Amino acid sequence: MDQTIYRLKTHWSATRQRLEDNNQNGTSRWLLRKTAIRFVTAHLALIGFALFAAAIRPWEENFVHTKGPTKGDWQDGVPIAPLALSFIYNIFHTIYVLWRAKPVHALVNGIVDFLVWAVLIPGIVFAAWGGAFHLWRQPVIEPGGEVLCDIAQNVFSRECYPELYRIGELELGGIVFGIFVWTMTTFLFVHGCTEASRLRRYGPAANDRTGFYDLERSRARTWDSYSRRHRRQTTKDSISRPQMARMPPMGMPRYR
């Protein structure tokens, strides 16, 4: 056990050193932070996936769609696909970065993040639209303190239909975790596009704080040198030879 812990610590120290070396060579200084965000996002996606999957079977045992080609719980199945993709890819990304100490290609990150972001929006909307929690009702209590389940007001109350509330709680939990995953995926996608744009415009130094400051200082030095050249040229043009007054003739010219 001690040897395993020692090997993990040694591997982590070596990986961190390689990440710092790559950072100095132009790799994004946000690599380790975004890897941690992806690790958290993967676990949130796994929880949301499990909640939606757990709600499908009891929903189909108690309800059925009267309209449409699909009678089952399709609205809870739509967000499962993007949540599964988010979990699989973010876990792969975390393992790849920590093992290889270098980032995944920005194009791959952008494509997967965009797919999760685009598909998860309608998935959450459909799950919220067809959720069983819309049927929750407050029970009508009789004067004797009893809740009668044979009246219309108490059909969908917790005391008369507890399975309905268990399904609704699972769906609500999946929606909440899906919103968290969507928010983090939006941040990762926008930040990745920003970094790619800066990298294409300024080069590898744009992703490094020190390199970015060097870039700003080089801009300042370029502007200062241009200003000095402009001032020298202006001074040279303004200082010209003085105009010498012409001396009048000493006498009248003689003509023969």
Protein backbone atom coordinates (compact mmCIF):
# COMPACT_ATOMS: atom_id res chain seq x y z
CA MET A 1 0.00 0.00 0.00
CA ASP A 2 2.80 2.41 0.89
CA GLN A 3 4.59 1.62 -2.38
CA THR A 4 1.42 2.33 -4.36
CA ILE A 5 0.95 5.68 -2.65
CA TYR A 6 4.62 6.51 -3.23
CA ARG A 7 4.32 5.65 -6.93
CA LEU A 8 1.20 7.78 -7.29
CA LYS A 9 2.92 10.73 -5.61
CA THR A 10 5.99 10.31 -7.80
CA HIS A 11 3.90 10.07 -10.95
CA TRP A 12 1.88 13.15 -9.95
CA SER A 13 5.05 15.16 -9.27
CA ALA A 14 6.51 14.16 -12.64
CA THR A 15 3.25 14.94 -14.44
CA ARG A 16 2.99 18.34 -12.77
CA GLN A 17 6.57 19.17 -13.72
CA ARG A 18 5.89 18.18 -17.34
CA LEU A 19 2.76 20.36 -17.35
CA GLU A 20 4.79 23.31 -16.06
CA ASP A 21 7.44 22.70 -18.71
CA ASN A 22 4.79 22.58 -21.42
CA ASN A 23 3.31 25.75 -19.99
CA GLN A 24 6.62 27.51 -20.50
CA ASN A 25 6.69 26.20 -24.07
CA GLY A 26 3.37 27.81 -24.94
CA THR A 27 0.74 25.42 -23.58
CA SER A 28 -2.25 27.08 -21.97
CA ARG A 29 -1.78 27.90 -18.29
CA TRP A 30 -5.48 27.00 -17.88
CA LEU A 31 -4.86 23.36 -18.83
CA LEU A 32 -4.73 21.99 -15.28
CA ARG A 33 -7.67 24.13 -14.15
CA LYS A 34 -9.87 23.11 -17.05
CA THR A 35 -8.89 19.48 -16.48
CA ALA A 36 -10.18 19.78 -12.90
CA ILE A 37 -13.39 21.38 -14.22
CA ARG A 38 -13.83 18.53 -16.68
CA PHE A 39 -13.29 15.99 -13.89
CA VAL A 40 -16.06 17.60 -11.83
CA THR A 41 -18.31 17.89 -14.90
CA ALA A 42 -17.88 14.19 -15.62
CA HIS A 43 -19.14 13.24 -12.16
CA LEU A 44 -22.09 15.66 -12.37
CA ALA A 45 -22.98 14.17 -15.76
CA LEU A 46 -22.81 10.67 -14.30
CA ILE A 47 -25.20 11.62 -11.47
CA GLY A 48 -27.63 13.26 -13.90
CA PHE A 49 -27.44 10.23 -16.21
CA ALA A 50 -28.20 7.86 -13.30
CA LEU A 51 -31.19 9.95 -12.12
CA PHE A 52 -32.81 10.11 -15.56
CA ALA A 53 -32.17 6.41 -16.17
CA ALA A 54 -33.71 5.50 -12.80
CA ALA A 55 -36.86 7.48 -13.63
CA ILE A 56 -37.60 5.77 -16.96
CA ARG A 57 -38.74 2.35 -15.74
CA PRO A 58 -41.17 3.51 -12.99
CA TRP A 59 -42.54 6.15 -15.38
CA GLU A 60 -43.34 3.53 -18.01
CA GLU A 61 -44.95 1.31 -15.35
CA ASN A 62 -47.33 4.10 -14.32
CA PHE A 63 -47.85 6.32 -17.37
CA VAL A 64 -48.12 6.15 -21.13
CA HIS A 65 -48.17 8.75 -23.88
CA THR A 66 -51.54 8.82 -25.61
CA LYS A 67 -50.22 10.84 -28.55
CA GLY A 68 -47.16 10.41 -30.70
CA PRO A 69 -45.34 7.40 -32.14
CA THR A 70 -43.55 6.58 -28.88
CA LYS A 71 -45.58 5.53 -25.85
CA GLY A 72 -42.64 5.25 -23.45
CA ASP A 73 -40.73 7.83 -21.42
CA TRP A 74 -38.85 9.41 -24.32
CA GLN A 75 -38.58 12.86 -22.70
CA ASP A 76 -36.34 11.48 -19.95
CA GLY A 77 -34.29 9.54 -22.48
CA VAL A 78 -33.28 12.57 -24.59
CA PRO A 79 -30.84 14.10 -22.04
CA ILE A 80 -29.25 10.72 -21.32
CA ALA A 81 -27.23 10.74 -24.57
CA PRO A 82 -25.43 14.10 -24.06
CA LEU A 83 -24.85 13.35 -20.38
CA ALA A 84 -23.28 10.00 -21.27
CA LEU A 85 -21.10 11.67 -23.93
CA SER A 86 -20.03 14.34 -21.45
CA PHE A 87 -19.08 11.75 -18.84
CA ILE A 88 -17.12 9.53 -21.23
CA TYR A 89 -15.22 12.32 -22.94
CA ASN A 90 -14.39 14.32 -19.81
CA ILE A 91 -13.05 11.21 -18.07
CA PHE A 92 -10.98 10.40 -21.16
CA HIS A 93 -9.70 14.00 -21.29
CA THR A 94 -8.72 13.95 -17.61
CA ILE A 95 -6.85 10.64 -17.89
CA TYR A 96 -5.13 11.72 -21.13
CA VAL A 97 -3.88 15.03 -19.72
CA LEU A 98 -2.69 13.58 -16.44
CA TRP A 99 -1.01 10.61 -18.12
CA ARG A 100 0.51 12.31 -21.18
CA ALA A 101 0.97 15.78 -19.65
CA LYS A 102 -0.23 17.52 -22.80
CA PRO A 103 -3.61 18.82 -23.96
CA VAL A 104 -6.07 17.19 -26.30
CA HIS A 105 -6.37 18.90 -29.67
CA ALA A 106 -8.50 22.04 -29.43
CA LEU A 107 -10.65 21.00 -32.41
CA VAL A 108 -11.66 17.75 -30.67
CA ASN A 109 -12.54 19.63 -27.49
CA GLY A 110 -14.60 22.14 -29.44
CA ILE A 111 -16.56 19.52 -31.39
CA VAL A 112 -17.44 17.40 -28.34
CA ASP A 113 -18.28 20.40 -26.14
CA PHE A 114 -20.51 21.83 -28.87
CA LEU A 115 -22.36 18.53 -29.30
CA VAL A 116 -22.99 18.22 -25.55
CA TRP A 117 -24.01 21.87 -25.33
CA ALA A 118 -26.36 21.75 -28.33
CA VAL A 119 -28.11 18.44 -27.55
CA LEU A 120 -28.42 18.99 -23.80
CA ILE A 121 -30.52 22.15 -24.27
CA PRO A 122 -33.54 20.40 -25.86
CA GLY A 123 -32.98 17.41 -23.58
CA ILE A 124 -33.42 19.50 -20.44
CA VAL A 125 -36.36 21.38 -21.98
CA PHE A 126 -38.21 18.15 -22.88
CA ALA A 127 -37.49 16.62 -19.46
CA ALA A 128 -38.85 19.73 -17.73
CA TRP A 129 -41.87 19.87 -20.05
CA GLY A 130 -42.92 16.23 -19.53
CA GLY A 131 -41.90 15.84 -15.91
CA ALA A 132 -44.19 14.00 -13.54
CA PHE A 133 -43.76 16.74 -10.95
CA HIS A 134 -46.31 18.84 -12.87
CA LEU A 135 -48.98 16.53 -11.46
CA TRP A 136 -48.13 17.11 -7.82
CA ARG A 137 -51.06 18.34 -5.76
CA GLN A 138 -51.67 19.36 -2.18
CA PRO A 139 -54.07 16.92 -0.42
CA VAL A 140 -57.46 17.96 0.86
CA ILE A 141 -57.63 16.95 4.52
CA GLU A 142 -60.99 16.04 5.99
CA PRO A 143 -62.15 17.46 9.34
CA GLY A 144 -61.16 14.25 11.06
CA GLY A 145 -57.57 14.57 9.76
CA GLU A 146 -57.94 11.86 7.10
CA VAL A 147 -56.99 12.08 3.42
CA LEU A 148 -59.55 10.40 1.17
CA CYS A 149 -57.99 9.01 -2.01
CA ASP A 150 -61.31 8.41 -3.76
CA ILE A 151 -61.89 12.08 -4.50
CA ALA A 152 -60.44 13.90 -7.52
CA GLN A 153 -58.47 16.45 -5.47
CA ASN A 154 -56.39 13.79 -3.73
CA VAL A 155 -55.68 11.43 -6.62
CA PHE A 156 -52.21 12.91 -7.25
CA SER A 157 -51.32 13.71 -3.64
CA ARG A 158 -48.29 12.21 -1.92
CA GLU A 159 -50.44 10.19 0.45
CA CYS A 160 -52.41 8.58 -2.38
CA TYR A 161 -49.81 8.34 -5.14
CA PRO A 162 -46.31 8.15 -3.59
CA GLU A 163 -44.78 6.64 -6.76
CA LEU A 164 -45.59 9.82 -8.65
CA TYR A 165 -43.47 11.87 -6.26
CA ARG A 166 -40.56 9.47 -6.42
CA ILE A 167 -40.53 9.75 -10.22
CA GLY A 168 -40.82 13.53 -10.07
CA GLU A 169 -37.95 13.82 -7.59
CA LEU A 170 -35.70 11.74 -9.83
CA GLU A 171 -36.58 13.91 -12.82
CA LEU A 172 -36.02 17.14 -10.91
CA GLY A 173 -32.63 15.92 -9.71
CA GLY A 174 -31.62 14.98 -13.26
CA ILE A 175 -32.70 18.39 -14.55
CA VAL A 176 -30.69 20.23 -11.87
CA PHE A 177 -27.53 18.24 -12.54
CA GLY A 178 -28.10 18.60 -16.28
CA ILE A 179 -28.19 22.39 -15.89
CA PHE A 180 -24.88 22.26 -13.98
CA VAL A 181 -23.30 20.17 -16.74
CA TRP A 182 -24.63 22.51 -19.42
CA THR A 183 -23.24 25.57 -17.60
CA MET A 184 -19.76 24.08 -17.21
CA THR A 185 -19.77 22.84 -20.80
CA THR A 186 -20.69 26.34 -21.97
CA PHE A 187 -17.73 27.79 -20.06
CA LEU A 188 -15.34 25.18 -21.47
CA PHE A 189 -16.57 25.73 -25.03
CA VAL A 190 -16.40 29.53 -24.88
CA HIS A 191 -13.01 29.52 -23.17
CA GLY A 192 -11.65 27.03 -25.70
CA CYS A 193 -12.82 29.18 -28.61
CA THR A 194 -11.25 32.26 -27.01
CA GLU A 195 -7.93 30.51 -26.50
CA ALA A 196 -7.93 29.17 -30.07
CA SER A 197 -8.63 32.65 -31.42
CA ARG A 198 -5.81 34.19 -29.37
CA LEU A 199 -3.45 31.40 -30.36
CA ARG A 200 -4.21 31.92 -34.03
CA ARG A 201 -3.79 35.69 -33.75
CA TYR A 202 -0.81 36.10 -31.43
CA GLY A 203 0.93 32.72 -31.45
CA PRO A 204 1.84 30.39 -28.55
CA ALA A 205 2.88 33.29 -26.30
CA ALA A 206 -0.75 34.45 -26.08
CA ASN A 207 -1.72 31.48 -23.86
CA ASP A 208 1.00 32.21 -21.33
CA ARG A 209 0.74 35.07 -18.88
CA THR A 210 4.44 35.91 -19.07
CA GLY A 211 4.43 35.63 -22.83
CA PHE A 212 1.35 37.81 -23.06
CA TYR A 213 3.02 40.50 -20.97
CA ASP A 214 6.12 40.19 -23.15
CA LEU A 215 3.88 40.66 -26.14
CA GLU A 216 2.45 43.81 -24.61
CA ARG A 217 5.91 45.11 -23.79
CA SER A 218 7.07 44.39 -27.34
CA ARG A 219 4.11 46.37 -28.61
CA ALA A 220 5.08 49.26 -26.35
CA ARG A 221 8.70 49.10 -27.53
CA THR A 222 7.57 49.08 -31.14
CA TRP A 223 5.38 52.12 -30.57
CA ASP A 224 8.18 53.96 -28.73
CA SER A 225 10.65 53.31 -31.53
CA TYR A 226 8.12 54.48 -34.09
CA SER A 227 7.47 57.65 -32.07
CA ARG A 228 11.19 58.40 -31.82
CA ARG A 229 11.69 57.92 -35.57
CA HIS A 230 8.72 60.14 -36.28
CA ARG A 231 10.05 62.86 -33.97
CA ARG A 232 13.50 62.70 -35.56
CA GLN A 233 12.02 62.97 -39.04
CA THR A 234 9.83 65.88 -38.00
CA THR A 235 12.78 67.69 -36.39
CA LYS A 236 14.96 67.09 -39.46
CA ASP A 237 12.29 68.49 -41.75
CA SER A 238 11.62 71.52 -39.58
CA ILE A 239 15.30 72.46 -39.25
CA SER A 240 16.38 73.50 -42.73
CA ARG A 241 19.09 75.76 -44.00
CA PRO A 242 18.48 79.46 -43.36
CA GLN A 243 17.52 81.50 -46.36
CA MET A 244 20.41 83.88 -47.24
CA ALA A 245 19.34 87.34 -48.34
CA ARG A 246 20.63 88.30 -51.77
CA MET A 247 23.12 91.12 -51.75
CA PRO A 248 22.10 94.10 -53.89
CA PRO A 249 24.39 94.84 -56.87
CA MET A 250 27.23 97.23 -56.14
CA GLY A 251 26.82 99.10 -59.34
CA MET A 252 24.90 99.28 -62.52
CA PRO A 253 26.03 96.90 -65.19
CA ARG A 254 27.71 98.41 -68.17
CA TYR A 255 26.38 97.81 -71.58
CA ARG A 256 28.24 98.41 -74.75
